[in-house]
C-alpha atoms as a PDB file:
ATOM      1  CA  MET A   1      -4.760 -14.522  16.801  1.00  0.00           C
ATOM      2  CA  GLU A   2      -7.156 -15.337  13.979  1.00  0.00           C
ATOM      3  CA  PRO A   3      -5.295 -13.171  11.376  1.00  0.00           C
ATOM      4  CA  PHE A   4      -2.162 -15.295  11.876  1.00  0.00           C
ATOM      5  CA  LYS A   5      -3.718 -18.709  11.278  1.00  0.00           C
ATOM      6  CA  ILE A   6      -2.449 -20.685   8.286  1.00  0.00           C
ATOM      7  CA  HIS A   7      -5.068 -22.469   6.223  1.00  0.00           C
ATOM      8  CA  SER A   8      -5.183 -24.285   2.912  1.00  0.00           C
ATOM      9  CA  LEU A   9      -6.479 -22.441  -0.129  1.00  0.00           C
ATOM     10  CA  PHE A  10      -8.324 -25.542  -1.323  1.00  0.00           C
ATOM     11  CA  GLY A  11     -10.391 -27.475   1.181  1.00  0.00           C
ATOM     12  CA  GLU A  12     -10.031 -28.072   4.889  1.00  0.00           C
ATOM     13  CA  GLY A  13      -7.684 -31.065   4.870  1.00  0.00           C
ATOM     14  CA  PRO A  14      -4.301 -31.381   6.583  1.00  0.00           C
ATOM     15  CA  ILE A  15      -1.545 -28.994   5.528  1.00  0.00           C
ATOM     16  CA  HIS A  16       1.592 -30.546   4.054  1.00  0.00           C
ATOM     17  CA  TRP A  17       4.792 -28.876   2.871  1.00  0.00           C
ATOM     18  CA  TYR A  18       3.417 -28.802  -0.691  1.00  0.00           C
ATOM     19  CA  THR A  19      -0.076 -27.518   0.213  1.00  0.00           C
ATOM     20  CA  PRO A  20      -0.920 -24.053  -1.206  1.00  0.00           C
ATOM     21  CA  THR A  21      -1.822 -21.878   1.763  1.00  0.00           C
ATOM     22  CA  ASN A  22      -2.589 -18.247   2.469  1.00  0.00           C
ATOM     23  CA  VAL A  23       1.111 -17.823   3.285  1.00  0.00           C
ATOM     24  CA  THR A  24       2.232 -18.953  -0.168  1.00  0.00           C
ATOM     25  CA  LEU A  25      -0.504 -16.859  -1.785  1.00  0.00           C
ATOM     26  CA  TRP A  26       0.603 -13.605  -0.169  1.00  0.00           C
ATOM     27  CA  MET A  27       4.286 -14.343  -0.695  1.00  0.00           C
ATOM     28  CA  ALA A  28       3.499 -14.879  -4.386  1.00  0.00           C
ATOM     29  CA  ILE A  29       1.601 -11.574  -4.463  1.00  0.00           C
ATOM     30  CA  GLY A  30       4.651  -9.918  -2.905  1.00  0.00           C
ATOM     31  CA  LEU A  31       6.885 -11.343  -5.633  1.00  0.00           C
ATOM     32  CA  ILE A  32       4.463 -10.081  -8.286  1.00  0.00           C
ATOM     33  CA  CYS A  33       4.592  -6.610  -6.736  1.00  0.00           C
ATOM     34  CA  MET A  34       8.396  -6.722  -6.832  1.00  0.00           C
ATOM     35  CA  ALA A  35       8.268  -7.627 -10.526  1.00  0.00           C
ATOM     36  CA  LEU A  36       5.781  -4.849 -11.238  1.00  0.00           C
ATOM     37  CA  LEU A  37       7.983  -2.277  -9.529  1.00  0.00           C
ATOM     38  CA  LEU A  38      11.326  -3.298 -11.026  1.00  0.00           C
ATOM     39  CA  VAL A  39      10.311  -4.651 -14.435  1.00  0.00           C
ATOM     40  CA  VAL A  40       7.098  -2.918 -15.444  1.00  0.00           C
ATOM     41  CA  GLY A  41       7.829   0.291 -13.575  1.00  0.00           C
ATOM     42  CA  THR A  42      11.250   0.799 -15.167  1.00  0.00           C
ATOM     43  CA  ARG A  43      10.641  -0.645 -18.633  1.00  0.00           C
ATOM     44  CA  GLY A  44      10.549   2.829 -20.221  1.00  0.00           C
ATOM     45  CA  ARG A  45      13.896   3.916 -18.723  1.00  0.00           C
ATOM     46  CA  ALA A  46      12.812   7.486 -19.308  1.00  0.00           C
ATOM     47  CA  ILE A  47      15.166  10.416 -18.736  1.00  0.00           C
ATOM     48  CA  ILE A  48      12.293  12.064 -16.886  1.00  0.00           C
ATOM     49  CA  PRO A  49      11.127   9.065 -14.820  1.00  0.00           C
ATOM     50  CA  SER A  50       7.586   8.233 -13.876  1.00  0.00           C
ATOM     51  CA  ARG A  51       6.554   7.956 -10.241  1.00  0.00           C
ATOM     52  CA  MET A  52       7.053   4.180 -10.242  1.00  0.00           C
ATOM     53  CA  GLN A  53      10.443   4.447 -11.947  1.00  0.00           C
ATOM     54  CA  SER A  54      11.497   7.152  -9.480  1.00  0.00           C
ATOM     55  CA  LEU A  55      10.490   4.904  -6.570  1.00  0.00           C
ATOM     56  CA  ALA A  56      12.389   1.937  -8.018  1.00  0.00           C
ATOM     57  CA  GLU A  57      15.508   4.034  -8.603  1.00  0.00           C
ATOM     58  CA  LEU A  58      15.270   5.542  -5.115  1.00  0.00           C
ATOM     59  CA  VAL A  59      15.067   2.130  -3.422  1.00  0.00           C
ATOM     60  CA  TYR A  60      17.810   0.730  -5.657  1.00  0.00           C
ATOM     61  CA  GLY A  61      20.174   3.602  -4.874  1.00  0.00           C
ATOM     62  CA  PHE A  62      19.391   3.515  -1.158  1.00  0.00           C
ATOM     63  CA  ILE A  63      20.146  -0.204  -0.743  1.00  0.00           C
ATOM     64  CA  HIS A  64      23.187  -0.014  -3.053  1.00  0.00           C
ATOM     65  CA  LYS A  65      24.699   2.771  -0.940  1.00  0.00           C
ATOM     66  CA  MET A  66      23.917   0.863   2.263  1.00  0.00           C
ATOM     67  CA  VAL A  67      25.669  -2.273   1.035  1.00  0.00           C
ATOM     68  CA  GLU A  68      28.695  -0.304  -0.176  1.00  0.00           C
ATOM     69  CA  ASP A  69      28.991   1.785   3.000  1.00  0.00           C
ATOM     70  CA  VAL A  70      28.684  -1.172   5.395  1.00  0.00           C
ATOM     71  CA  THR A  71      30.475  -3.978   3.552  1.00  0.00           C
ATOM     72  CA  GLY A  72      32.766  -2.051   1.224  1.00  0.00           C
ATOM     73  CA  LYS A  73      33.362  -2.649  -2.477  1.00  0.00           C
ATOM     74  CA  ASP A  74      33.807  -6.383  -1.850  1.00  0.00           C
ATOM     75  CA  GLY A  75      30.204  -6.670  -0.704  1.00  0.00           C
ATOM     76  CA  LEU A  76      28.624  -5.238  -3.853  1.00  0.00           C
ATOM     77  CA  LYS A  77      28.621  -8.667  -5.494  1.00  0.00           C
ATOM     78  CA  PHE A  78      25.971  -9.605  -2.901  1.00  0.00           C
ATOM     79  CA  PHE A  79      23.861  -6.534  -3.659  1.00  0.00           C
ATOM     80  CA  PRO A  80      21.239  -8.399  -5.784  1.00  0.00           C
ATOM     81  CA  TYR A  81      20.601 -10.842  -2.938  1.00  0.00           C
ATOM     82  CA  ILE A  82      20.344  -8.132  -0.274  1.00  0.00           C
ATOM     83  CA  PHE A  83      18.207  -5.926  -2.513  1.00  0.00           C
ATOM     84  CA  THR A  84      15.795  -8.809  -3.192  1.00  0.00           C
ATOM     85  CA  LEU A  85      15.669  -9.594   0.524  1.00  0.00           C
ATOM     86  CA  PHE A  86      14.773  -5.998   1.381  1.00  0.00           C
ATOM     87  CA  LEU A  87      12.033  -5.746  -1.241  1.00  0.00           C
ATOM     88  CA  PHE A  88      10.509  -9.085  -0.263  1.00  0.00           C
ATOM     89  CA  ILE A  89      10.277  -8.056   3.397  1.00  0.00           C
ATOM     90  CA  VAL A  90       8.962  -4.570   2.581  1.00  0.00           C
ATOM     91  CA  PHE A  91       6.193  -5.834   0.309  1.00  0.00           C
ATOM     92  CA  SER A  92       5.290  -8.661   2.705  1.00  0.00           C
ATOM     93  CA  ASN A  93       5.023  -6.158   5.554  1.00  0.00           C
ATOM     94  CA  PHE A  94       2.988  -3.600   3.614  1.00  0.00           C
ATOM     95  CA  LEU A  95       0.659  -6.133   1.995  1.00  0.00           C
ATOM     96  CA  GLY A  96      -0.107  -7.427   5.476  1.00  0.00           C
ATOM     97  CA  LEU A  97      -1.582  -4.026   6.358  1.00  0.00           C
ATOM     98  CA  ILE A  98      -4.392  -4.519   3.844  1.00  0.00           C
ATOM     99  CA  PRO A  99      -7.592  -5.581   5.660  1.00  0.00           C
ATOM    100  CA  LEU A 100      -8.318  -9.327   5.414  1.00  0.00           C
ATOM    101  CA  SER A 101      -4.837  -9.984   4.038  1.00  0.00           C
ATOM    102  CA  PHE A 102      -2.046 -12.070   5.567  1.00  0.00           C
ATOM    103  CA  THR A 103       1.437 -11.076   6.745  1.00  0.00           C
ATOM    104  CA  PRO A 104       4.010 -13.769   5.883  1.00  0.00           C
ATOM    105  CA  THR A 105       6.718 -11.995   7.879  1.00  0.00           C
ATOM    106  CA  ALA A 106       4.633 -12.316  11.052  1.00  0.00           C
ATOM    107  CA  HIS A 107       5.449 -16.041  11.058  1.00  0.00           C
ATOM    108  CA  ILE A 108       8.726 -17.320  12.450  1.00  0.00           C
ATOM    109  CA  ALA A 109       8.710 -20.064   9.797  1.00  0.00           C
ATOM    110  CA  VAL A 110       9.175 -17.421   7.079  1.00  0.00           C
ATOM    111  CA  THR A 111      11.560 -15.089   8.882  1.00  0.00           C
ATOM    112  CA  GLY A 112      13.474 -18.090  10.236  1.00  0.00           C
ATOM    113  CA  VAL A 113      14.195 -19.351   6.722  1.00  0.00           C
ATOM    114  CA  LEU A 114      15.337 -15.874   5.655  1.00  0.00           C
ATOM    115  CA  ALA A 115      17.609 -15.599   8.704  1.00  0.00           C
ATOM    116  CA  ILE A 116      19.059 -19.099   8.237  1.00  0.00           C
ATOM    117  CA  LEU A 117      19.822 -18.343   4.583  1.00  0.00           C
ATOM    118  CA  VAL A 118      21.687 -15.202   5.652  1.00  0.00           C
ATOM    119  CA  PHE A 119      23.535 -17.117   8.359  1.00  0.00           C
ATOM    120  CA  VAL A 120      24.598 -19.944   6.024  1.00  0.00           C
ATOM    121  CA  THR A 121      25.591 -17.522   3.267  1.00  0.00           C
ATOM    122  CA  VAL A 122      27.686 -15.403   5.606  1.00  0.00           C
ATOM    123  CA  THR A 123      29.393 -18.432   7.180  1.00  0.00           C
ATOM    124  CA  VAL A 124      30.214 -20.035   3.819  1.00  0.00           C
ATOM    125  CA  VAL A 125      31.521 -16.754   2.412  1.00  0.00           C
ATOM    126  CA  GLY A 126      33.629 -16.225   5.512  1.00  0.00           C
ATOM    127  CA  PHE A 127      35.377 -19.590   5.261  1.00  0.00           C
ATOM    128  CA  VAL A 128      35.700 -19.558   1.465  1.00  0.00           C
ATOM    129  CA  LYS A 129      37.232 -16.076   1.398  1.00  0.00           C
ATOM    130  CA  ASN A 130      39.346 -16.214   4.545  1.00  0.00           C
ATOM    131  CA  GLY A 131      39.802 -19.896   5.365  1.00  0.00           C
ATOM    132  CA  THR A 132      40.643 -20.537   8.997  1.00  0.00           C
ATOM    133  CA  HIS A 133      41.369 -16.817   9.441  1.00  0.00           C
ATOM    134  CA  PHE A 134      37.610 -16.390   9.621  1.00  0.00           C
ATOM    135  CA  LEU A 135      37.810 -17.842  13.136  1.00  0.00           C
ATOM    136  CA  GLY A 136      39.610 -14.641  14.104  1.00  0.00           C
ATOM    137  CA  LEU A 137      36.136 -13.146  14.305  1.00  0.00           C
ATOM    138  CA  PHE A 138      35.738 -14.913  17.652  1.00  0.00           C
ATOM    139  CA  TRP A 139      39.160 -14.019  19.068  1.00  0.00           C
ATOM    140  CA  VAL A 140      39.177 -10.538  20.607  1.00  0.00           C
ATOM    141  CA  SER A 141      42.860  -9.718  20.233  1.00  0.00           C
ATOM    142  CA  SER A 142      42.447  -6.253  21.750  1.00  0.00           C
ATOM    143  CA  ALA A 143      41.272  -7.696  25.095  1.00  0.00           C
ATOM    144  CA  PRO A 144      43.611  -8.812  27.914  1.00  0.00           C
ATOM    145  CA  LEU A 145      45.005 -12.292  27.301  1.00  0.00           C
ATOM    146  CA  ALA A 146      43.290 -13.789  30.370  1.00  0.00           C
ATOM    147  CA  LEU A 147      39.861 -12.665  29.138  1.00  0.00           C
ATOM    148  CA  ARG A 148      40.227 -13.769  25.524  1.00  0.00           C
ATOM    149  CA  PRO A 149      39.087 -17.406  26.014  1.00  0.00           C
ATOM    150  CA  ILE A 150      35.997 -16.259  27.919  1.00  0.00           C
ATOM    151  CA  LEU A 151      35.195 -13.637  25.297  1.00  0.00           C
ATOM    152  CA  ALA A 152      35.747 -16.227  22.556  1.00  0.00           C
ATOM    153  CA  VAL A 153      33.053 -18.452  24.080  1.00  0.00           C
ATOM    154  CA  ILE A 154      30.697 -15.476  24.304  1.00  0.00           C
ATOM    155  CA  GLU A 155      31.438 -14.518  20.682  1.00  0.00           C
ATOM    156  CA  VAL A 156      30.756 -18.062  19.456  1.00  0.00           C
ATOM    157  CA  ILE A 157      27.447 -18.208  21.328  1.00  0.00           C
ATOM    158  CA  SER A 158      26.396 -14.779  20.050  1.00  0.00           C
ATOM    159  CA  TYR A 159      27.308 -15.794  16.496  1.00  0.00           C
ATOM    160  CA  PHE A 160      25.100 -18.883  16.527  1.00  0.00           C
ATOM    161  CA  VAL A 161      22.268 -16.937  18.171  1.00  0.00           C
ATOM    162  CA  ARG A 162      22.237 -14.485  15.257  1.00  0.00           C
ATOM    163  CA  PRO A 163      19.609 -16.298  13.156  1.00  0.00           C
ATOM    164  CA  VAL A 164      17.351 -16.580  16.207  1.00  0.00           C
ATOM    165  CA  SER A 165      17.440 -12.861  17.048  1.00  0.00           C
ATOM    166  CA  HIS A 166      17.423 -11.938  13.373  1.00  0.00           C
ATOM    167  CA  SER A 167      14.183 -13.826  12.723  1.00  0.00           C
ATOM    168  CA  ILE A 168      12.342 -13.228  16.007  1.00  0.00           C
ATOM    169  CA  ARG A 169      12.875  -9.470  15.833  1.00  0.00           C
ATOM    170  CA  LEU A 170      11.054  -9.184  12.515  1.00  0.00           C
ATOM    171  CA  ALA A 171       8.303 -11.732  13.211  1.00  0.00           C
ATOM    172  CA  GLY A 172       7.696 -10.446  16.736  1.00  0.00           C
ATOM    173  CA  ASN A 173       7.350  -6.808  15.699  1.00  0.00           C
ATOM    174  CA  MET A 174       4.981  -7.586  12.839  1.00  0.00           C
ATOM    175  CA  MET A 175       2.816  -9.909  14.936  1.00  0.00           C
ATOM    176  CA  ALA A 176       2.685  -7.514  17.890  1.00  0.00           C
ATOM    177  CA  GLY A 177       1.696  -4.549  15.743  1.00  0.00           C
ATOM    178  CA  HIS A 178      -1.114  -6.417  14.024  1.00  0.00           C
ATOM    179  CA  ALA A 179      -2.342  -7.814  17.341  1.00  0.00           C
ATOM    180  CA  VAL A 180      -2.520  -4.329  18.881  1.00  0.00           C
ATOM    181  CA  ILE A 181      -4.489  -3.017  15.891  1.00  0.00           C
ATOM    182  CA  GLU A 182      -6.868  -5.961  16.247  1.00  0.00           C
ATOM    183  CA  VAL A 183      -7.377  -5.203  19.946  1.00  0.00           C
ATOM    184  CA  PHE A 184      -8.100  -1.501  19.385  1.00  0.00           C
ATOM    185  CA  ALA A 185     -10.403  -2.300  16.462  1.00  0.00           C
ATOM    186  CA  GLY A 186     -12.338  -4.663  18.739  1.00  0.00           C
ATOM    187  CA  PHE A 187     -13.134  -1.819  21.135  1.00  0.00           C
ATOM    188  CA  ALA A 188     -15.414   0.049  18.707  1.00  0.00           C
ATOM    189  CA  PRO A 189     -18.246  -2.523  18.308  1.00  0.00           C
ATOM    190  CA  VAL A 190     -18.185  -3.294  22.024  1.00  0.00           C
ATOM    191  CA  ILE A 191     -18.512   0.364  22.959  1.00  0.00           C
ATOM    192  CA  LEU A 192     -21.272   0.901  20.420  1.00  0.00           C
ATOM    193  CA  MET A 193     -23.430  -1.495  22.461  1.00  0.00           C
ATOM    194  CA  SER A 194     -23.493   1.084  25.238  1.00  0.00           C
ATOM    195  CA  ALA A 195     -25.420   4.096  23.926  1.00  0.00           C
ATOM    196  CA  ALA A 196     -24.456   6.211  26.932  1.00  0.00           C
ATOM    197  CA  VAL A 197     -20.739   6.259  26.215  1.00  0.00           C
ATOM    198  CA  GLY A 198     -20.665   5.034  22.619  1.00  0.00           C
ATOM    199  CA  VAL A 199     -20.999   8.471  21.035  1.00  0.00           C
ATOM    200  CA  LEU A 200     -18.077   9.821  23.065  1.00  0.00           C
ATOM    201  CA  VAL A 201     -15.659   6.907  23.170  1.00  0.00           C
ATOM    202  CA  THR A 202     -16.092   5.321  19.727  1.00  0.00           C
ATOM    203  CA  PRO A 203     -14.360   8.211  17.901  1.00  0.00           C
ATOM    204  CA  LEU A 204     -11.476   7.853  20.349  1.00  0.00           C
ATOM    205  CA  SER A 205     -11.246   4.168  19.494  1.00  0.00           C
ATOM    206  CA  VAL A 206     -11.215   4.974  15.779  1.00  0.00           C
ATOM    207  CA  LEU A 207      -8.476   7.558  16.318  1.00  0.00           C
ATOM    208  CA  ALA A 208      -6.461   5.017  18.305  1.00  0.00           C
ATOM    209  CA  VAL A 209      -6.762   2.453  15.511  1.00  0.00           C
ATOM    210  CA  THR A 210      -5.744   5.081  12.927  1.00  0.00           C
ATOM    211  CA  ALA A 211      -2.727   6.093  14.997  1.00  0.00           C
ATOM    212  CA  MET A 212      -1.661   2.480  15.491  1.00  0.00           C
ATOM    213  CA  TYR A 213      -2.096   1.826  11.783  1.00  0.00           C
ATOM    214  CA  GLY A 214       0.156   4.780  10.950  1.00  0.00           C
ATOM    215  CA  LEU A 215       2.710   3.535  13.458  1.00  0.00           C
ATOM    216  CA  GLU A 216       2.557   0.050  11.933  1.00  0.00           C
ATOM    217  CA  VAL A 217       3.322   1.514   8.494  1.00  0.00           C
ATOM    218  CA  ILE A 218       6.500   3.016   9.934  1.00  0.00           C
ATOM    219  CA  VAL A 219       7.365  -0.221  11.756  1.00  0.00           C
ATOM    220  CA  ALA A 220       6.900  -2.219   8.538  1.00  0.00           C
ATOM    221  CA  LEU A 221       9.503  -0.093   6.775  1.00  0.00           C
ATOM    222  CA  VAL A 222      11.881   0.162   9.733  1.00  0.00           C
ATOM    223  CA  GLN A 223      11.906  -3.594  10.360  1.00  0.00           C
ATOM    224  CA  ALA A 224      12.763  -4.278   6.716  1.00  0.00           C
ATOM    225  CA  TYR A 225      15.600  -1.766   7.026  1.00  0.00           C
ATOM    226  CA  VAL A 226      16.854  -3.318  10.279  1.00  0.00           C
ATOM    227  CA  PHE A 227      16.823  -6.844   8.842  1.00  0.00           C
ATOM    228  CA  THR A 228      18.711  -5.641   5.764  1.00  0.00           C
ATOM    229  CA  ILE A 229      21.356  -3.602   7.529  1.00  0.00           C
ATOM    230  CA  LEU A 230      22.021  -6.444   9.989  1.00  0.00           C
ATOM    231  CA  THR A 231      22.539  -8.690   6.970  1.00  0.00           C
ATOM    232  CA  CYS A 232      25.100  -6.177   5.695  1.00  0.00           C
ATOM    233  CA  VAL A 233      26.842  -6.085   9.089  1.00  0.00           C
ATOM    234  CA  TYR A 234      27.038  -9.883   9.225  1.00  0.00           C
ATOM    235  CA  LEU A 235      28.381  -9.940   5.673  1.00  0.00           C
ATOM    236  CA  LYS A 236      31.019  -7.370   6.619  1.00  0.00           C
ATOM    237  CA  ASP A 237      32.190  -9.692   9.407  1.00  0.00           C
ATOM    238  CA  ALA A 238      32.567 -12.484   6.855  1.00  0.00           C
ATOM    239  CA  LEU A 239      34.452 -10.354   4.357  1.00  0.00           C
ATOM    240  CA  HIS A 240      36.638  -8.585   6.918  1.00  0.00           C
ATOM    241  CA  PRO A 241      36.841 -10.776  10.072  1.00  0.00           C
ATOM    242  CA  GLY A 242      38.817  -9.925  13.168  1.00  0.00           C
ATOM    243  CA  HIS A 243      38.449  -7.341  15.911  1.00  0.00           C
END
């Protein structure tokens, strides 16, 4: 679990909330990458776009359509927030695939804050827009009357569990993928110590690491998509509550 350890950038002293760490460093690098893509990459606004401008426009259009399709026109006012959330997670995931780097989204402290922000935002929007009618989200009016109180309790519990599942899903997948790559990568030097089987098995270990790395690239993108679309679904519940 060495790649997931948090340490101070300056010295070996205790870590406080204000201490610059490898987590803050790589989150800052992620923010710089976002700025490079959206500001530097699109500054020309060319009719025939460059590769970076094409990528920025593709991501922008993809997330914009997702927000509109899931939440409706009312949800587009939250598009900047959701778009920023998606890009932050994507860059954090991809930067973590660089050797000797750090993956902020592999830590529950980071994903937990993101999930809590989504949860608080959705809850506040729900009550501000709908008032007490927002509580209709927990009342399954289509179910038989005798089951509605039981289902209401289940709905309330599932609602408050959202930030837990939302954060653990992302952090767990990123940590597990990196741990598996670390395990497979550890096989190669061990096998090399045995000359009899090293020549045969070491290439297999390298191929396994390469395959896992390719899979982790896909997982990094998919998990950012899942976190974002769940945010859109939760926002839809706040804007249009009720079953």
